[in-house]
Amino acid sequence: MTQQTPSYPSQDLLSRFLIAWCSTVIIDGLFSTVLSIAFYNSTFSRLFQGVAATVVSSSFEGGARTTALGLLMHVCVAGAWSALFIFGVMRFGFIRRLQTSWPGIVGIAAIYGPFVWLFMSLVVISSLTGPFHINSKWCIQLIGHFPFVGLPIVASASRGMLVTDSAPSRAPAV
């Protein structure tokens, strides 16, 4: 007996995207803010000015505008990675089947979250700012992208798909 692959109406994908996007903006934003303030002796503004520094030179002198640009970039990047997962990765039947259990959701998030950081740091950021050195802060970001980026995206995308012994999946079968 083969397992059915869940499918969804397009409006359901849109709502999954919006929830994943918003939750990732908030959860990852809080993670990086707490990390910057509590552990790196920095500030909220300095964090998001640093994000903006990938596209704007001398960002640390930019004040509120540069902080706002960094926040906007954070929101846009979270939206892009949420969209890629929901409208791209979830097209694969084996991914949707994995999303029907918590171990599957956690497993996908453990791959997707760090992949986001690897791609962003090794491809996007380094192409904009030049080569960098991998250090402890980079490693913390790599690890943190599992629970604070991958998990919100994958769990939000998977809502209503869990199959338990007592309740079948609410996602329609193909």
C-alpha atoms as a PDB file:
ATOM      1  CA  MET A   1       0.000   0.000   0.000  1.00  0.00           C
ATOM      2  CA  THR A   2       1.498   3.315  -1.050  1.00  0.00           C
ATOM      3  CA  GLN A   3       1.149   6.480   0.961  1.00  0.00           C
ATOM      4  CA  GLN A   4      -1.000   9.209  -0.595  1.00  0.00           C
ATOM      5  CA  THR A   5       0.757  12.506  -1.366  1.00  0.00           C
ATOM      6  CA  PRO A   6      -1.131  15.502   0.051  1.00  0.00           C
ATOM      7  CA  SER A   7      -2.068  18.309  -2.333  1.00  0.00           C
ATOM      8  CA  TYR A   8      -3.600  21.719  -1.663  1.00  0.00           C
ATOM      9  CA  PRO A   9      -5.801  24.331  -3.315  1.00  0.00           C
ATOM     10  CA  SER A  10      -3.848  27.445  -4.394  1.00  0.00           C
ATOM     11  CA  GLN A  11      -5.502  29.652  -1.748  1.00  0.00           C
ATOM     12  CA  ASP A  12      -4.274  27.195   0.901  1.00  0.00           C
ATOM     13  CA  LEU A  13      -0.725  27.599  -0.406  1.00  0.00           C
ATOM     14  CA  LEU A  14      -1.087  31.367  -0.193  1.00  0.00           C
ATOM     15  CA  SER A  15      -2.209  31.217   3.442  1.00  0.00           C
ATOM     16  CA  ARG A  16       0.643  28.797   4.244  1.00  0.00           C
ATOM     17  CA  PHE A  17       3.060  31.249   2.607  1.00  0.00           C
ATOM     18  CA  LEU A  18       1.761  34.249   4.555  1.00  0.00           C
ATOM     19  CA  ILE A  19       1.951  32.392   7.872  1.00  0.00           C
ATOM     20  CA  ALA A  20       5.446  31.049   7.111  1.00  0.00           C
ATOM     21  CA  TRP A  21       6.641  34.478   5.989  1.00  0.00           C
ATOM     22  CA  CYS A  22       5.294  36.349   9.018  1.00  0.00           C
ATOM     23  CA  SER A  23       6.439  33.753  11.538  1.00  0.00           C
ATOM     24  CA  THR A  24       9.937  33.651  10.016  1.00  0.00           C
ATOM     25  CA  VAL A  25      10.234  37.449  10.004  1.00  0.00           C
ATOM     26  CA  ILE A  26       9.285  37.572  13.682  1.00  0.00           C
ATOM     27  CA  ILE A  27      11.119  34.468  14.990  1.00  0.00           C
ATOM     28  CA  ASP A  28      14.354  35.017  13.061  1.00  0.00           C
ATOM     29  CA  GLY A  29      14.225  38.754  13.805  1.00  0.00           C
ATOM     30  CA  LEU A  30      13.894  38.072  17.534  1.00  0.00           C
ATOM     31  CA  PHE A  31      16.656  35.443  17.430  1.00  0.00           C
ATOM     32  CA  SER A  32      19.135  37.735  15.714  1.00  0.00           C
ATOM     33  CA  THR A  33      18.174  40.722  17.873  1.00  0.00           C
ATOM     34  CA  VAL A  34      18.589  38.820  21.151  1.00  0.00           C
ATOM     35  CA  LEU A  35      21.831  37.301  19.905  1.00  0.00           C
ATOM     36  CA  SER A  36      23.197  40.720  18.922  1.00  0.00           C
ATOM     37  CA  ILE A  37      22.187  42.526  22.105  1.00  0.00           C
ATOM     38  CA  ALA A  38      22.710  39.828  24.744  1.00  0.00           C
ATOM     39  CA  PHE A  39      25.756  38.025  23.373  1.00  0.00           C
ATOM     40  CA  TYR A  40      27.517  40.363  20.923  1.00  0.00           C
ATOM     41  CA  ASN A  41      27.130  43.602  22.921  1.00  0.00           C
ATOM     42  CA  SER A  42      25.493  45.329  19.961  1.00  0.00           C
ATOM     43  CA  THR A  43      22.178  47.072  19.298  1.00  0.00           C
ATOM     44  CA  PHE A  44      19.031  46.504  17.270  1.00  0.00           C
ATOM     45  CA  SER A  45      19.984  49.362  14.947  1.00  0.00           C
ATOM     46  CA  ARG A  46      23.532  48.138  14.470  1.00  0.00           C
ATOM     47  CA  LEU A  47      22.236  44.633  13.614  1.00  0.00           C
ATOM     48  CA  PHE A  48      19.960  45.826  10.828  1.00  0.00           C
ATOM     49  CA  GLN A  49      22.429  48.459   9.641  1.00  0.00           C
ATOM     50  CA  GLY A  50      24.801  45.528   9.193  1.00  0.00           C
ATOM     51  CA  VAL A  51      22.193  43.773   7.072  1.00  0.00           C
ATOM     52  CA  ALA A  52      21.859  46.924   4.956  1.00  0.00           C
ATOM     53  CA  ALA A  53      25.662  47.126   4.652  1.00  0.00           C
ATOM     54  CA  THR A  54      25.531  44.325   2.097  1.00  0.00           C
ATOM     55  CA  VAL A  55      24.023  46.781  -0.406  1.00  0.00           C
ATOM     56  CA  VAL A  56      24.836  50.235   1.008  1.00  0.00           C
ATOM     57  CA  SER A  57      28.337  51.456   1.848  1.00  0.00           C
ATOM     58  CA  SER A  58      29.096  53.140   5.200  1.00  0.00           C
ATOM     59  CA  SER A  59      25.846  51.784   6.613  1.00  0.00           C
ATOM     60  CA  PHE A  60      26.788  52.247  10.245  1.00  0.00           C
ATOM     61  CA  GLU A  61      26.604  56.006   9.724  1.00  0.00           C
ATOM     62  CA  GLY A  62      23.202  55.795   8.041  1.00  0.00           C
ATOM     63  CA  GLY A  63      21.019  56.029  11.125  1.00  0.00           C
ATOM     64  CA  ALA A  64      17.319  55.259  11.066  1.00  0.00           C
ATOM     65  CA  ARG A  65      17.060  55.059   7.268  1.00  0.00           C
ATOM     66  CA  THR A  66      19.735  52.398   7.062  1.00  0.00           C
ATOM     67  CA  THR A  67      18.178  50.493   9.963  1.00  0.00           C
ATOM     68  CA  ALA A  68      14.837  50.604   8.125  1.00  0.00           C
ATOM     69  CA  LEU A  69      16.502  49.391   4.922  1.00  0.00           C
ATOM     70  CA  GLY A  70      18.026  46.459   6.840  1.00  0.00           C
ATOM     71  CA  LEU A  71      14.629  45.595   8.316  1.00  0.00           C
ATOM     72  CA  LEU A  72      13.023  45.766   4.875  1.00  0.00           C
ATOM     73  CA  MET A  73      15.743  43.496   3.496  1.00  0.00           C
ATOM     74  CA  HIS A  74      15.131  41.039   6.377  1.00  0.00           C
ATOM     75  CA  VAL A  75      11.397  40.981   5.595  1.00  0.00           C
ATOM     76  CA  CYS A  76      11.998  40.497   1.862  1.00  0.00           C
ATOM     77  CA  VAL A  77      14.554  37.723   2.311  1.00  0.00           C
ATOM     78  CA  ALA A  78      12.273  35.873   4.746  1.00  0.00           C
ATOM     79  CA  GLY A  79       9.492  36.154   2.178  1.00  0.00           C
ATOM     80  CA  ALA A  80      11.697  34.880  -0.618  1.00  0.00           C
ATOM     81  CA  TRP A  81      12.836  31.778   1.303  1.00  0.00           C
ATOM     82  CA  SER A  82       9.272  31.085   2.490  1.00  0.00           C
ATOM     83  CA  ALA A  83       8.010  31.381  -1.086  1.00  0.00           C
ATOM     84  CA  LEU A  84      10.767  29.147  -2.423  1.00  0.00           C
ATOM     85  CA  PHE A  85       9.852  26.418   0.039  1.00  0.00           C
ATOM     86  CA  ILE A  86       6.091  26.601  -0.319  1.00  0.00           C
ATOM     87  CA  PHE A  87       5.825  27.218  -4.059  1.00  0.00           C
ATOM     88  CA  GLY A  88       8.956  25.300  -5.076  1.00  0.00           C
ATOM     89  CA  VAL A  89      10.213  22.646  -2.690  1.00  0.00           C
ATOM     90  CA  MET A  90       6.709  21.511  -1.699  1.00  0.00           C
ATOM     91  CA  ARG A  91       6.040  20.517  -5.316  1.00  0.00           C
ATOM     92  CA  PHE A  92       8.035  17.360  -4.605  1.00  0.00           C
ATOM     93  CA  GLY A  93       5.767  14.563  -3.398  1.00  0.00           C
ATOM     94  CA  PHE A  94       8.373  13.057  -1.078  1.00  0.00           C
ATOM     95  CA  ILE A  95       8.663  16.414   0.738  1.00  0.00           C
ATOM     96  CA  ARG A  96       4.890  16.616   1.215  1.00  0.00           C
ATOM     97  CA  ARG A  97       4.866  13.026   2.491  1.00  0.00           C
ATOM     98  CA  LEU A  98       7.637  13.847   4.993  1.00  0.00           C
ATOM     99  CA  GLN A  99       5.583  16.821   6.188  1.00  0.00           C
ATOM    100  CA  THR A 100       2.912  14.481   7.565  1.00  0.00           C
ATOM    101  CA  SER A 101       4.989  13.672  10.676  1.00  0.00           C
ATOM    102  CA  TRP A 102       6.918  15.732  13.223  1.00  0.00           C
ATOM    103  CA  PRO A 103      10.155  13.816  12.584  1.00  0.00           C
ATOM    104  CA  GLY A 104       9.754  14.601   8.885  1.00  0.00           C
ATOM    105  CA  ILE A 105       9.064  18.288   9.565  1.00  0.00           C
ATOM    106  CA  VAL A 106      12.070  18.565  11.884  1.00  0.00           C
ATOM    107  CA  GLY A 107      14.262  16.686   9.408  1.00  0.00           C
ATOM    108  CA  ILE A 108      13.320  18.959   6.519  1.00  0.00           C
ATOM    109  CA  ALA A 109      13.841  22.053   8.707  1.00  0.00           C
ATOM    110  CA  ALA A 110      17.250  20.759   9.827  1.00  0.00           C
ATOM    111  CA  ILE A 111      18.299  20.753   6.166  1.00  0.00           C
ATOM    112  CA  TYR A 112      16.402  23.766   4.812  1.00  0.00           C
ATOM    113  CA  GLY A 113      17.310  26.282   7.554  1.00  0.00           C
ATOM    114  CA  PRO A 114      21.095  25.740   7.360  1.00  0.00           C
ATOM    115  CA  PHE A 115      20.835  25.623   3.549  1.00  0.00           C
ATOM    116  CA  VAL A 116      19.341  29.130   3.667  1.00  0.00           C
ATOM    117  CA  TRP A 117      22.312  30.397   5.713  1.00  0.00           C
ATOM    118  CA  LEU A 118      24.879  28.598   3.559  1.00  0.00           C
ATOM    119  CA  PHE A 119      23.413  30.011   0.357  1.00  0.00           C
ATOM    120  CA  MET A 120      22.967  33.514   1.760  1.00  0.00           C
ATOM    121  CA  SER A 121      26.448  33.730   3.282  1.00  0.00           C
ATOM    122  CA  LEU A 122      28.504  31.801   0.741  1.00  0.00           C
ATOM    123  CA  VAL A 123      26.750  32.981  -2.421  1.00  0.00           C
ATOM    124  CA  VAL A 124      24.660  36.120  -1.918  1.00  0.00           C
ATOM    125  CA  ILE A 125      26.510  38.063   0.786  1.00  0.00           C
ATOM    126  CA  SER A 126      29.997  37.101  -0.361  1.00  0.00           C
ATOM    127  CA  SER A 127      29.154  38.141  -3.941  1.00  0.00           C
ATOM    128  CA  LEU A 128      28.055  41.558  -2.645  1.00  0.00           C
ATOM    129  CA  THR A 129      30.720  42.200   0.000  1.00  0.00           C
ATOM    130  CA  GLY A 130      33.626  39.964  -0.969  1.00  0.00           C
ATOM    131  CA  PRO A 131      35.108  36.896   0.714  1.00  0.00           C
ATOM    132  CA  PHE A 132      34.779  36.420   4.458  1.00  0.00           C
ATOM    133  CA  HIS A 133      36.121  34.137   7.150  1.00  0.00           C
ATOM    134  CA  ILE A 134      34.051  31.451   8.782  1.00  0.00           C
ATOM    135  CA  ASN A 135      34.153  32.091  12.533  1.00  0.00           C
ATOM    136  CA  SER A 136      32.154  31.253  15.656  1.00  0.00           C
ATOM    137  CA  LYS A 137      29.433  33.837  14.890  1.00  0.00           C
ATOM    138  CA  TRP A 138      29.012  32.342  11.415  1.00  0.00           C
ATOM    139  CA  CYS A 139      28.685  28.846  12.953  1.00  0.00           C
ATOM    140  CA  ILE A 140      26.109  30.076  15.472  1.00  0.00           C
ATOM    141  CA  GLN A 141      24.081  31.525  12.589  1.00  0.00           C
ATOM    142  CA  LEU A 142      24.369  28.243  10.698  1.00  0.00           C
ATOM    143  CA  ILE A 143      23.038  26.266  13.672  1.00  0.00           C
ATOM    144  CA  GLY A 144      20.433  28.913  14.542  1.00  0.00           C
ATOM    145  CA  HIS A 145      18.935  28.806  11.074  1.00  0.00           C
ATOM    146  CA  PHE A 146      17.561  25.334  11.802  1.00  0.00           C
ATOM    147  CA  PRO A 147      15.185  26.274  14.647  1.00  0.00           C
ATOM    148  CA  PHE A 148      14.704  29.972  13.829  1.00  0.00           C
ATOM    149  CA  VAL A 149      14.341  29.910  10.014  1.00  0.00           C
ATOM    150  CA  GLY A 150      13.875  26.329   8.805  1.00  0.00           C
ATOM    151  CA  LEU A 151      11.414  25.253  11.479  1.00  0.00           C
ATOM    152  CA  PRO A 152       9.028  28.235  11.188  1.00  0.00           C
ATOM    153  CA  ILE A 153       8.922  27.870   7.404  1.00  0.00           C
ATOM    154  CA  VAL A 154       8.488  24.094   7.312  1.00  0.00           C
ATOM    155  CA  ALA A 155       6.112  23.872  10.294  1.00  0.00           C
ATOM    156  CA  SER A 156       3.925  26.682   8.924  1.00  0.00           C
ATOM    157  CA  ALA A 157       3.889  25.058   5.512  1.00  0.00           C
ATOM    158  CA  SER A 158       2.955  21.735   7.116  1.00  0.00           C
ATOM    159  CA  ARG A 159       0.006  22.902   9.207  1.00  0.00           C
ATOM    160  CA  GLY A 160      -2.927  20.527   8.921  1.00  0.00           C
ATOM    161  CA  MET A 161      -0.852  17.783   7.305  1.00  0.00           C
ATOM    162  CA  LEU A 162       0.194  15.770  10.367  1.00  0.00           C
ATOM    163  CA  VAL A 163      -1.054  12.197  10.418  1.00  0.00           C
ATOM    164  CA  THR A 164      -1.478  10.626  13.847  1.00  0.00           C
ATOM    165  CA  ASP A 165      -2.806   7.275  14.934  1.00  0.00           C
ATOM    166  CA  SER A 166      -6.051   8.891  16.044  1.00  0.00           C
ATOM    167  CA  ALA A 167      -6.534  11.498  13.308  1.00  0.00           C
ATOM    168  CA  PRO A 168      -5.848  11.197   9.588  1.00  0.00           C
ATOM    169  CA  SER A 169      -4.317  14.044   7.630  1.00  0.00           C
ATOM    170  CA  ARG A 170      -6.660  16.919   6.869  1.00  0.00           C
ATOM    171  CA  ALA A 171      -4.798  17.573   3.628  1.00  0.00           C
ATOM    172  CA  PRO A 172      -6.698  16.211   0.636  1.00  0.00           C
ATOM    173  CA  ALA A 173      -5.170  13.204  -1.101  1.00  0.00           C
ATOM    174  CA  VAL A 174      -4.318  13.202  -4.792  1.00  0.00           C
END
